[in-house]
Amino acid sequence: MLISPAATFDRTLVPFPASVETLLFEDLLALGDELAEVDLLVVPLIGVGFDAFDLIERLGMTVFMGRIRVVSDRLADRAMVLRELRDLADPLGLAVDLSDCL
């Protein structure tokens, strides 16, 4: 899921100027320069045919400079997984956080 600013919005109806879209892994990467407009990506830790580590690595080669929220089932060592995600993302200039699925 990606969240990006909406071009126009009515502040009386919409509290945040954002649009939400759901995309497949390959479609996300195909956005090219449009990735610069994305504020937040919400991705699974492990998806079908990819994982968050793959995605972060690929996003590091694009114009994307937004935030990445990784979601997963409860993890035995959440701190370790978050540290590994950030070890990959930080040198690429990407901000990552990790959330449990509800």
PDB file of N, CA and C in Angstrom:
ATOM      1  N   MET A   1       0.857  -1.157   0.000  1.00  0.00           N
ATOM      2  CA  MET A   1       0.000   0.000   0.000  1.00  0.00           C
ATOM      3  C   MET A   1       0.903   1.221   0.000  1.00  0.00           C
ATOM      4  N   LEU A   2       0.555   2.205  -0.810  1.00  0.00           N
ATOM      5  CA  LEU A   2       1.321   3.437  -0.800  1.00  0.00           C
ATOM      6  C   LEU A   2       0.406   4.609  -0.509  1.00  0.00           C
ATOM      7  N   ILE A   3       0.943   5.566   0.192  1.00  0.00           N
ATOM      8  CA  ILE A   3       0.180   6.753   0.561  1.00  0.00           C
ATOM      9  C   ILE A   3       0.936   7.955   0.051  1.00  0.00           C
ATOM     10  N   SER A   4       0.265   8.768  -0.750  1.00  0.00           N
ATOM     11  CA  SER A   4       0.905   9.949  -1.308  1.00  0.00           C
ATOM     12  C   SER A   4      -0.037  11.133  -1.204  1.00  0.00           C
ATOM     13  N   PRO A   5       0.512  12.350  -1.268  1.00  0.00           N
ATOM     14  CA  PRO A   5      -0.357  13.522  -1.162  1.00  0.00           C
ATOM     15  C   PRO A   5      -1.341  13.584  -2.325  1.00  0.00           C
ATOM     16  N   ALA A   6      -2.555  13.963  -2.034  1.00  0.00           N
ATOM     17  CA  ALA A   6      -3.545  14.155  -3.091  1.00  0.00           C
ATOM     18  C   ALA A   6      -3.281  15.506  -3.747  1.00  0.00           C
ATOM     19  N   ALA A   7      -3.517  15.595  -5.017  1.00  0.00           N
ATOM     20  CA  ALA A   7      -3.279  16.848  -5.738  1.00  0.00           C
ATOM     21  C   ALA A   7      -4.164  17.959  -5.188  1.00  0.00           C
ATOM     22  N   THR A   8      -5.413  17.655  -4.968  1.00  0.00           N
ATOM     23  CA  THR A   8      -6.327  18.638  -4.385  1.00  0.00           C
ATOM     24  C   THR A   8      -7.188  17.936  -3.359  1.00  0.00           C
ATOM     25  N   PHE A   9      -7.606  18.674  -2.345  1.00  0.00           N
ATOM     26  CA  PHE A   9      -8.467  18.079  -1.339  1.00  0.00           C
ATOM     27  C   PHE A   9      -9.228  19.180  -0.619  1.00  0.00           C
ATOM     28  N   ASP A  10     -10.315  18.799  -0.016  1.00  0.00           N
ATOM     29  CA  ASP A  10     -11.147  19.721   0.752  1.00  0.00           C
ATOM     30  C   ASP A  10     -10.882  19.442   2.222  1.00  0.00           C
ATOM     31  N   ARG A  11     -10.224  20.364   2.924  1.00  0.00           N
ATOM     32  CA  ARG A  11      -9.853  20.154   4.324  1.00  0.00           C
ATOM     33  C   ARG A  11     -11.066  19.941   5.224  1.00  0.00           C
ATOM     34  N   THR A  12     -12.253  20.363   4.798  1.00  0.00           N
ATOM     35  CA  THR A  12     -13.439  20.161   5.627  1.00  0.00           C
ATOM     36  C   THR A  12     -13.939  18.727   5.547  1.00  0.00           C
ATOM     37  N   LEU A  13     -13.584  18.032   4.475  1.00  0.00           N
ATOM     38  CA  LEU A  13     -14.035  16.651   4.294  1.00  0.00           C
ATOM     39  C   LEU A  13     -12.949  15.635   4.588  1.00  0.00           C
ATOM     40  N   VAL A  14     -11.710  15.972   4.284  1.00  0.00           N
ATOM     41  CA  VAL A  14     -10.591  15.046   4.423  1.00  0.00           C
ATOM     42  C   VAL A  14      -9.558  15.665   5.355  1.00  0.00           C
ATOM     43  N   PRO A  15      -9.315  15.052   6.513  1.00  0.00           N
ATOM     44  CA  PRO A  15      -8.384  15.666   7.455  1.00  0.00           C
ATOM     45  C   PRO A  15      -6.926  15.648   6.986  1.00  0.00           C
ATOM     46  N   PHE A  16      -6.551  14.687   6.153  1.00  0.00           N
ATOM     47  CA  PHE A  16      -5.182  14.606   5.671  1.00  0.00           C
ATOM     48  C   PHE A  16      -5.181  14.579   4.153  1.00  0.00           C
ATOM     49  N   PRO A  17      -4.285  15.338   3.535  1.00  0.00           N
ATOM     50  CA  PRO A  17      -4.218  15.368   2.070  1.00  0.00           C
ATOM     51  C   PRO A  17      -3.507  14.138   1.524  1.00  0.00           C
ATOM     52  N   ALA A  18      -4.198  12.999   1.497  1.00  0.00           N
ATOM     53  CA  ALA A  18      -3.541  11.776   1.062  1.00  0.00           C
ATOM     54  C   ALA A  18      -4.455  10.921   0.206  1.00  0.00           C
ATOM     55  N   SER A  19      -3.826  10.120  -0.622  1.00  0.00           N
ATOM     56  CA  SER A  19      -4.540   9.091  -1.364  1.00  0.00           C
ATOM     57  C   SER A  19      -3.884   7.764  -1.026  1.00  0.00           C
ATOM     58  N   VAL A  20      -4.662   6.694  -1.040  1.00  0.00           N
ATOM     59  CA  VAL A  20      -4.153   5.375  -0.684  1.00  0.00           C
ATOM     60  C   VAL A  20      -4.385   4.445  -1.857  1.00  0.00           C
ATOM     61  N   GLU A  21      -3.353   3.689  -2.205  1.00  0.00           N
ATOM     62  CA  GLU A  21      -3.452   2.724  -3.298  1.00  0.00           C
ATOM     63  C   GLU A  21      -2.809   1.413  -2.862  1.00  0.00           C
ATOM     64  N   THR A  22      -3.289   0.321  -3.407  1.00  0.00           N
ATOM     65  CA  THR A  22      -2.682  -0.985  -3.183  1.00  0.00           C
ATOM     66  C   THR A  22      -2.080  -1.449  -4.503  1.00  0.00           C
ATOM     67  N   LEU A  23      -0.794  -1.808  -4.455  1.00  0.00           N
ATOM     68  CA  LEU A  23      -0.084  -2.214  -5.667  1.00  0.00           C
ATOM     69  C   LEU A  23       0.676  -3.509  -5.443  1.00  0.00           C
ATOM     70  N   LEU A  24       0.927  -4.225  -6.525  1.00  0.00           N
ATOM     71  CA  LEU A  24       1.808  -5.385  -6.485  1.00  0.00           C
ATOM     72  C   LEU A  24       3.252  -4.900  -6.467  1.00  0.00           C
ATOM     73  N   PHE A  25       4.150  -5.743  -6.003  1.00  0.00           N
ATOM     74  CA  PHE A  25       5.570  -5.421  -5.906  1.00  0.00           C
ATOM     75  C   PHE A  25       6.116  -4.851  -7.214  1.00  0.00           C
ATOM     76  N   GLU A  26       5.871  -5.561  -8.321  1.00  0.00           N
ATOM     77  CA  GLU A  26       6.424  -5.107  -9.599  1.00  0.00           C
ATOM     78  C   GLU A  26       5.790  -3.804 -10.071  1.00  0.00           C
ATOM     79  N   ASP A  27       4.511  -3.605  -9.767  1.00  0.00           N
ATOM     80  CA  ASP A  27       3.842  -2.360 -10.161  1.00  0.00           C
ATOM     81  C   ASP A  27       4.379  -1.171  -9.371  1.00  0.00           C
ATOM     82  N   LEU A  28       4.711  -1.398  -8.126  1.00  0.00           N
ATOM     83  CA  LEU A  28       5.284  -0.340  -7.297  1.00  0.00           C
ATOM     84  C   LEU A  28       6.606   0.131  -7.878  1.00  0.00           C
ATOM     85  N   LEU A  29       7.468  -0.804  -8.209  1.00  0.00           N
ATOM     86  CA  LEU A  29       8.770  -0.440  -8.746  1.00  0.00           C
ATOM     87  C   LEU A  29       8.661   0.182 -10.137  1.00  0.00           C
ATOM     88  N   ALA A  30       7.600  -0.143 -10.866  1.00  0.00           N
ATOM     89  CA  ALA A  30       7.391   0.410 -12.204  1.00  0.00           C
ATOM     90  C   ALA A  30       6.932   1.870 -12.168  1.00  0.00           C
ATOM     91  N   LEU A  31       6.616   2.402 -10.990  1.00  0.00           N
ATOM     92  CA  LEU A  31       6.169   3.799 -10.901  1.00  0.00           C
ATOM     93  C   LEU A  31       7.250   4.797 -11.295  1.00  0.00           C
ATOM     94  N   GLY A  32       8.492   4.381 -11.213  1.00  0.00           N
ATOM     95  CA  GLY A  32       9.595   5.252 -11.624  1.00  0.00           C
ATOM     96  C   GLY A  32       9.631   6.551 -10.840  1.00  0.00           C
ATOM     97  N   ASP A  33       9.669   7.683 -11.549  1.00  0.00           N
ATOM     98  CA  ASP A  33       9.779   8.991 -10.899  1.00  0.00           C
ATOM     99  C   ASP A  33       8.576   9.339 -10.024  1.00  0.00           C
ATOM    100  N   GLU A  34       7.450   8.676 -10.232  1.00  0.00           N
ATOM    101  CA  GLU A  34       6.269   8.925  -9.389  1.00  0.00           C
ATOM    102  C   GLU A  34       6.516   8.501  -7.945  1.00  0.00           C
ATOM    103  N   LEU A  35       7.503   7.652  -7.710  1.00  0.00           N
ATOM    104  CA  LEU A  35       7.831   7.231  -6.343  1.00  0.00           C
ATOM    105  C   LEU A  35       8.285   8.419  -5.484  1.00  0.00           C
ATOM    106  N   ALA A  36       8.759   9.478  -6.114  1.00  0.00           N
ATOM    107  CA  ALA A  36       9.177  10.669  -5.370  1.00  0.00           C
ATOM    108  C   ALA A  36       7.995  11.327  -4.666  1.00  0.00           C
ATOM    109  N   GLU A  37       6.771  11.080  -5.139  1.00  0.00           N
ATOM    110  CA  GLU A  37       5.567  11.666  -4.555  1.00  0.00           C
ATOM    111  C   GLU A  37       4.991  10.843  -3.403  1.00  0.00           C
ATOM    112  N   VAL A  38       5.526   9.660  -3.177  1.00  0.00           N
ATOM    113  CA  VAL A  38       4.985   8.757  -2.162  1.00  0.00           C
ATOM    114  C   VAL A  38       5.562   9.116  -0.797  1.00  0.00           C
ATOM    115  N   ASP A  39       4.684   9.296   0.187  1.00  0.00           N
ATOM    116  CA  ASP A  39       5.105   9.622   1.547  1.00  0.00           C
ATOM    117  C   ASP A  39       5.354   8.383   2.394  1.00  0.00           C
ATOM    118  N   LEU A  40       4.510   7.362   2.228  1.00  0.00           N
ATOM    119  CA  LEU A  40       4.573   6.192   3.099  1.00  0.00           C
ATOM    120  C   LEU A  40       4.227   4.936   2.323  1.00  0.00           C
ATOM    121  N   LEU A  41       5.038   3.904   2.498  1.00  0.00           N
ATOM    122  CA  LEU A  41       4.734   2.579   1.969  1.00  0.00           C
ATOM    123  C   LEU A  41       4.455   1.668   3.154  1.00  0.00           C
ATOM    124  N   VAL A  42       3.395   0.904   3.073  1.00  0.00           N
ATOM    125  CA  VAL A  42       3.081  -0.102   4.083  1.00  0.00           C
ATOM    126  C   VAL A  42       3.240  -1.451   3.395  1.00  0.00           C
ATOM    127  N   VAL A  43       4.191  -2.245   3.883  1.00  0.00           N
ATOM    128  CA  VAL A  43       4.529  -3.502   3.216  1.00  0.00           C
ATOM    129  C   VAL A  43       4.606  -4.636   4.232  1.00  0.00           C
ATOM    130  N   PRO A  44       4.326  -5.866   3.788  1.00  0.00           N
ATOM    131  CA  PRO A  44       4.481  -7.006   4.699  1.00  0.00           C
ATOM    132  C   PRO A  44       5.959  -7.340   4.881  1.00  0.00           C
ATOM    133  N   LEU A  45       6.301  -7.896   6.026  1.00  0.00           N
ATOM    134  CA  LEU A  45       7.667  -8.360   6.233  1.00  0.00           C
ATOM    135  C   LEU A  45       7.990  -9.449   5.220  1.00  0.00           C
ATOM    136  N   ILE A  46       7.038 -10.365   5.033  1.00  0.00           N
ATOM    137  CA  ILE A  46       7.196 -11.439   4.053  1.00  0.00           C
ATOM    138  C   ILE A  46       5.968 -11.442   3.161  1.00  0.00           C
ATOM    139  N   GLY A  47       6.176 -11.231   1.861  1.00  0.00           N
ATOM    140  CA  GLY A  47       5.087 -11.220   0.900  1.00  0.00           C
ATOM    141  C   GLY A  47       5.224 -12.381  -0.066  1.00  0.00           C
ATOM    142  N   VAL A  48       4.335 -12.432  -1.032  1.00  0.00           N
ATOM    143  CA  VAL A  48       4.382 -13.472  -2.056  1.00  0.00           C
ATOM    144  C   VAL A  48       5.475 -13.094  -3.062  1.00  0.00           C
ATOM    145  N   GLY A  49       6.558 -13.851  -3.073  1.00  0.00           N
ATOM    146  CA  GLY A  49       7.633 -13.620  -4.026  1.00  0.00           C
ATOM    147  C   GLY A  49       8.614 -12.524  -3.646  1.00  0.00           C
ATOM    148  N   PHE A  50       8.467 -11.912  -2.473  1.00  0.00           N
ATOM    149  CA  PHE A  50       9.419 -10.892  -2.036  1.00  0.00           C
ATOM    150  C   PHE A  50       9.307 -10.749  -0.527  1.00  0.00           C
ATOM    151  N   ASP A  51      10.262 -10.046   0.043  1.00  0.00           N
ATOM    152  CA  ASP A  51      10.139  -9.672   1.444  1.00  0.00           C
ATOM    153  C   ASP A  51      10.550  -8.206   1.585  1.00  0.00           C
ATOM    154  N   ALA A  52      10.372  -7.658   2.780  1.00  0.00           N
ATOM    155  CA  ALA A  52      10.655  -6.242   2.996  1.00  0.00           C
ATOM    156  C   ALA A  52      12.116  -5.909   2.699  1.00  0.00           C
ATOM    157  N   PHE A  53      13.018  -6.846   2.961  1.00  0.00           N
ATOM    158  CA  PHE A  53      14.429  -6.608   2.690  1.00  0.00           C
ATOM    159  C   PHE A  53      14.671  -6.418   1.197  1.00  0.00           C
ATOM    160  N   ASP A  54      14.042  -7.264   0.365  1.00  0.00           N
ATOM    161  CA  ASP A  54      14.142  -7.121  -1.095  1.00  0.00           C
ATOM    162  C   ASP A  54      13.631  -5.752  -1.526  1.00  0.00           C
ATOM    163  N   LEU A  55      12.475  -5.385  -1.009  1.00  0.00           N
ATOM    164  CA  LEU A  55      11.848  -4.126  -1.401  1.00  0.00           C
ATOM    165  C   LEU A  55      12.712  -2.934  -1.007  1.00  0.00           C
ATOM    166  N   ILE A  56      13.230  -2.933   0.213  1.00  0.00           N
ATOM    167  CA  ILE A  56      14.077  -1.826   0.665  1.00  0.00           C
ATOM    168  C   ILE A  56      15.301  -1.693  -0.226  1.00  0.00           C
ATOM    169  N   GLU A  57      15.916  -2.811  -0.528  1.00  0.00           N
ATOM    170  CA  GLU A  57      17.099  -2.790  -1.392  1.00  0.00           C
ATOM    171  C   GLU A  57      16.772  -2.205  -2.772  1.00  0.00           C
ATOM    172  N   ARG A  58      15.657  -2.627  -3.338  1.00  0.00           N
ATOM    173  CA  ARG A  58      15.250  -2.117  -4.661  1.00  0.00           C
ATOM    174  C   ARG A  58      14.854  -0.649  -4.606  1.00  0.00           C
ATOM    175  N   LEU A  59      14.148  -0.244  -3.526  1.00  0.00           N
ATOM    176  CA  LEU A  59      13.745   1.162  -3.390  1.00  0.00           C
ATOM    177  C   LEU A  59      14.953   2.079  -3.242  1.00  0.00           C
ATOM    178  N   GLY A  60      16.035   1.553  -2.686  1.00  0.00           N
ATOM    179  CA  GLY A  60      17.262   2.340  -2.549  1.00  0.00           C
ATOM    180  C   GLY A  60      17.860   2.741  -3.879  1.00  0.00           C
ATOM    181  N   MET A  61      17.443   2.084  -4.946  1.00  0.00           N
ATOM    182  CA  MET A  61      17.937   2.400  -6.294  1.00  0.00           C
ATOM    183  C   MET A  61      16.965   3.292  -7.062  1.00  0.00           C
ATOM    184  N   THR A  62      15.957   3.830  -6.364  1.00  0.00           N
ATOM    185  CA  THR A  62      14.938   4.662  -7.009  1.00  0.00           C
ATOM    186  C   THR A  62      14.947   6.061  -6.407  1.00  0.00           C
ATOM    187  N   VAL A  63      13.995   6.883  -6.821  1.00  0.00           N
ATOM    188  CA  VAL A  63      13.860   8.251  -6.297  1.00  0.00           C
ATOM    189  C   VAL A  63      13.046   8.296  -5.005  1.00  0.00           C
ATOM    190  N   PHE A  64      12.587   7.148  -4.528  1.00  0.00           N
ATOM    191  CA  PHE A  64      11.768   7.103  -3.317  1.00  0.00           C
ATOM    192  C   PHE A  64      12.553   7.606  -2.111  1.00  0.00           C
ATOM    193  N   MET A  65      11.970   8.550  -1.373  1.00  0.00           N
ATOM    194  CA  MET A  65      12.605   9.075  -0.160  1.00  0.00           C
ATOM    195  C   MET A  65      11.605   9.141   0.996  1.00  0.00           C
ATOM    196  N   GLY A  66      10.498   8.423   0.885  1.00  0.00           N
ATOM    197  CA  GLY A  66       9.473   8.423   1.921  1.00  0.00           C
ATOM    198  C   GLY A  66       9.802   7.457   3.043  1.00  0.00           C
ATOM    199  N   ARG A  67       8.777   7.133   3.813  1.00  0.00           N
ATOM    200  CA  ARG A  67       8.917   6.208   4.940  1.00  0.00           C
ATOM    201  C   ARG A  67       8.354   4.845   4.556  1.00  0.00           C
ATOM    202  N   ILE A  68       8.877   3.828   5.208  1.00  0.00           N
ATOM    203  CA  ILE A  68       8.409   2.461   4.983  1.00  0.00           C
ATOM    204  C   ILE A  68       7.936   1.893   6.315  1.00  0.00           C
ATOM    205  N   ARG A  69       6.691   1.445   6.352  1.00  0.00           N
ATOM    206  CA  ARG A  69       6.176   0.759   7.542  1.00  0.00           C
ATOM    207  C   ARG A  69       6.035  -0.712   7.180  1.00  0.00           C
ATOM    208  N   VAL A  70       6.793  -1.539   7.867  1.00  0.00           N
ATOM    209  CA  VAL A  70       6.764  -2.978   7.655  1.00  0.00           C
ATOM    210  C   VAL A  70       5.822  -3.582   8.696  1.00  0.00           C
ATOM    211  N   VAL A  71       4.905  -4.424   8.249  1.00  0.00           N
ATOM    212  CA  VAL A  71       3.971  -5.076   9.166  1.00  0.00           C
ATOM    213  C   VAL A  71       4.208  -6.587   9.146  1.00  0.00           C
ATOM    214  N   SER A  72       4.032  -7.188  10.317  1.00  0.00           N
ATOM    215  CA  SER A  72       4.222  -8.636  10.408  1.00  0.00           C
ATOM    216  C   SER A  72       3.408  -9.177  11.574  1.00  0.00           C
ATOM    217  N   ASP A  73       3.305 -10.492  11.612  1.00  0.00           N
ATOM    218  CA  ASP A  73       2.762 -11.140  12.793  1.00  0.00           C
ATOM    219  C   ASP A  73       3.733 -10.862  13.932  1.00  0.00           C
ATOM    220  N   ARG A  74       3.295 -11.115  15.142  1.00  0.00           N
ATOM    221  CA  ARG A  74       4.192 -10.907  16.292  1.00  0.00           C
ATOM    222  C   ARG A  74       5.467 -11.721  16.099  1.00  0.00           C
ATOM    223  N   LEU A  75       6.580 -11.078  16.402  1.00  0.00           N
ATOM    224  CA  LEU A  75       7.885 -11.707  16.219  1.00  0.00           C
ATOM    225  C   LEU A  75       8.513 -12.022  17.574  1.00  0.00           C
ATOM    226  N   ALA A  76       9.265 -13.111  17.627  1.00  0.00           N
ATOM    227  CA  ALA A  76       9.942 -13.478  18.873  1.00  0.00           C
ATOM    228  C   ALA A  76      10.977 -12.423  19.257  1.00  0.00           C
ATOM    229  N   ASP A  77      11.694 -11.896  18.260  1.00  0.00           N
ATOM    230  CA  ASP A  77      12.709 -10.873  18.535  1.00  0.00           C
ATOM    231  C   ASP A  77      12.504  -9.683  17.597  1.00  0.00           C
ATOM    232  N   ARG A  78      11.469  -8.923  17.888  1.00  0.00           N
ATOM    233  CA  ARG A  78      11.089  -7.771  17.068  1.00  0.00           C
ATOM    234  C   ARG A  78      12.236  -6.762  16.937  1.00  0.00           C
ATOM    235  N   ALA A  79      12.939  -6.512  18.032  1.00  0.00           N
ATOM    236  CA  ALA A  79      14.029  -5.527  18.028  1.00  0.00           C
ATOM    237  C   ALA A  79      15.129  -5.925  17.051  1.00  0.00           C
ATOM    238  N   MET A  80      15.444  -7.212  16.982  1.00  0.00           N
ATOM    239  CA  MET A  80      16.479  -7.679  16.068  1.00  0.00           C
ATOM    240  C   MET A  80      16.055  -7.468  14.609  1.00  0.00           C
ATOM    241  N   VAL A  81      14.798  -7.805  14.299  1.00  0.00           N
ATOM    242  CA  VAL A  81      14.311  -7.647  12.925  1.00  0.00           C
ATOM    243  C   VAL A  81      14.313  -6.168  12.542  1.00  0.00           C
ATOM    244  N   LEU A  82      13.850  -5.312  13.435  1.00  0.00           N
ATOM    245  CA  LEU A  82      13.852  -3.870  13.150  1.00  0.00           C
ATOM    246  C   LEU A  82      15.278  -3.363  12.941  1.00  0.00           C
ATOM    247  N   ARG A  83      16.204  -3.813  13.761  1.00  0.00           N
ATOM    248  CA  ARG A  83      17.605  -3.404  13.617  1.00  0.00           C
ATOM    249  C   ARG A  83      18.142  -3.826  12.245  1.00  0.00           C
ATOM    250  N   GLU A  84      17.824  -5.037  11.810  1.00  0.00           N
ATOM    251  CA  GLU A  84      18.294  -5.507  10.507  1.00  0.00           C
ATOM    252  C   GLU A  84      17.662  -4.713   9.373  1.00  0.00           C
ATOM    253  N   LEU A  85      16.375  -4.396   9.485  1.00  0.00           N
ATOM    254  CA  LEU A  85      15.719  -3.565   8.471  1.00  0.00           C
ATOM    255  C   LEU A  85      16.385  -2.197   8.390  1.00  0.00           C
ATOM    256  N   ARG A  86      16.639  -1.587   9.544  1.00  0.00           N
ATOM    257  CA  ARG A  86      17.260  -0.253   9.569  1.00  0.00           C
ATOM    258  C   ARG A  86      18.715  -0.294   9.121  1.00  0.00           C
ATOM    259  N   ASP A  87      19.421  -1.381   9.420  1.00  0.00           N
ATOM    260  CA  ASP A  87      20.804  -1.510   8.944  1.00  0.00           C
ATOM    261  C   ASP A  87      20.856  -1.466   7.419  1.00  0.00           C
ATOM    262  N   LEU A  88      19.852  -2.008   6.778  1.00  0.00           N
ATOM    263  CA  LEU A  88      19.771  -1.979   5.318  1.00  0.00           C
ATOM    264  C   LEU A  88      19.266  -0.627   4.815  1.00  0.00           C
ATOM    265  N   ALA A  89      18.246  -0.078   5.477  1.00  0.00           N
ATOM    266  CA  ALA A  89      17.582   1.129   4.983  1.00  0.00           C
ATOM    267  C   ALA A  89      18.343   2.419   5.256  1.00  0.00           C
ATOM    268  N   ASP A  90      18.967   2.541   6.423  1.00  0.00           N
ATOM    269  CA  ASP A  90      19.614   3.803   6.807  1.00  0.00           C
ATOM    270  C   ASP A  90      20.656   4.292   5.806  1.00  0.00           C
ATOM    271  N   PRO A  91      21.575   3.445   5.337  1.00  0.00           N
ATOM    272  CA  PRO A  91      22.554   3.941   4.361  1.00  0.00           C
ATOM    273  C   PRO A  91      21.931   4.367   3.031  1.00  0.00           C
ATOM    274  N   LEU A  92      20.718   3.887   2.767  1.00  0.00           N
ATOM    275  CA  LEU A  92      20.017   4.252   1.529  1.00  0.00           C
ATOM    276  C   LEU A  92      19.178   5.523   1.718  1.00  0.00           C
ATOM    277  N   GLY A  93      19.178   6.070   2.926  1.00  0.00           N
ATOM    278  CA  GLY A  93      18.401   7.272   3.212  1.00  0.00           C
ATOM    279  C   GLY A  93      16.928   7.009   3.425  1.00  0.00           C
ATOM    280  N   LEU A  94      16.565   5.776   3.754  1.00  0.00           N
ATOM    281  CA  LEU A  94      15.165   5.411   3.939  1.00  0.00           C
ATOM    282  C   LEU A  94      14.853   5.207   5.418  1.00  0.00           C
ATOM    283  N   ALA A  95      13.693   5.659   5.840  1.00  0.00           N
ATOM    284  CA  ALA A  95      13.243   5.501   7.228  1.00  0.00           C
ATOM    285  C   ALA A  95      12.290   4.310   7.299  1.00  0.00           C
ATOM    286  N   VAL A  96      12.528   3.416   8.263  1.00  0.00           N
ATOM    287  CA  VAL A  96      11.730   2.197   8.392  1.00  0.00           C
ATOM    288  C   VAL A  96      11.247   2.052   9.829  1.00  0.00           C
ATOM    289  N   ASP A  97       9.992   1.617   9.973  1.00  0.00           N
ATOM    290  CA  ASP A  97       9.514   1.182  11.282  1.00  0.00           C
ATOM    291  C   ASP A  97       8.793  -0.151  11.108  1.00  0.00           C
ATOM    292  N   LEU A  98       8.547  -0.822  12.211  1.00  0.00           N
ATOM    293  CA  LEU A  98       7.988  -2.167  12.186  1.00  0.00           C
ATOM    294  C   LEU A  98       6.760  -2.197  13.088  1.00  0.00           C
ATOM    295  N   SER A  99       5.641  -2.670  12.554  1.00  0.00           N
ATOM    296  CA  SER A  99       4.387  -2.741  13.313  1.00  0.00           C
ATOM    297  C   SER A  99       3.847  -4.159  13.298  1.00  0.00           C
ATOM    298  N   ASP A 100       3.191  -4.526  14.401  1.00  0.00           N
ATOM    299  CA  ASP A 100       2.515  -5.819  14.462  1.00  0.00           C
ATOM    300  C   ASP A 100       1.164  -5.719  13.768  1.00  0.00           C
ATOM    301  N   CYS A 101       0.771  -6.787  13.082  1.00  0.00           N
ATOM    302  CA  CYS A 101      -0.582  -6.863  12.533  1.00  0.00           C
ATOM    303  C   CYS A 101      -1.556  -6.927  13.694  1.00  0.00           C
ATOM    304  N   LEU A 102      -2.704  -6.334  13.521  1.00  0.00           N
ATOM    305  CA  LEU A 102      -3.712  -6.384  14.580  1.00  0.00           C
ATOM    306  C   LEU A 102      -4.528  -7.638  14.495  1.00  0.00           C
TER     307      LEU A 102
END
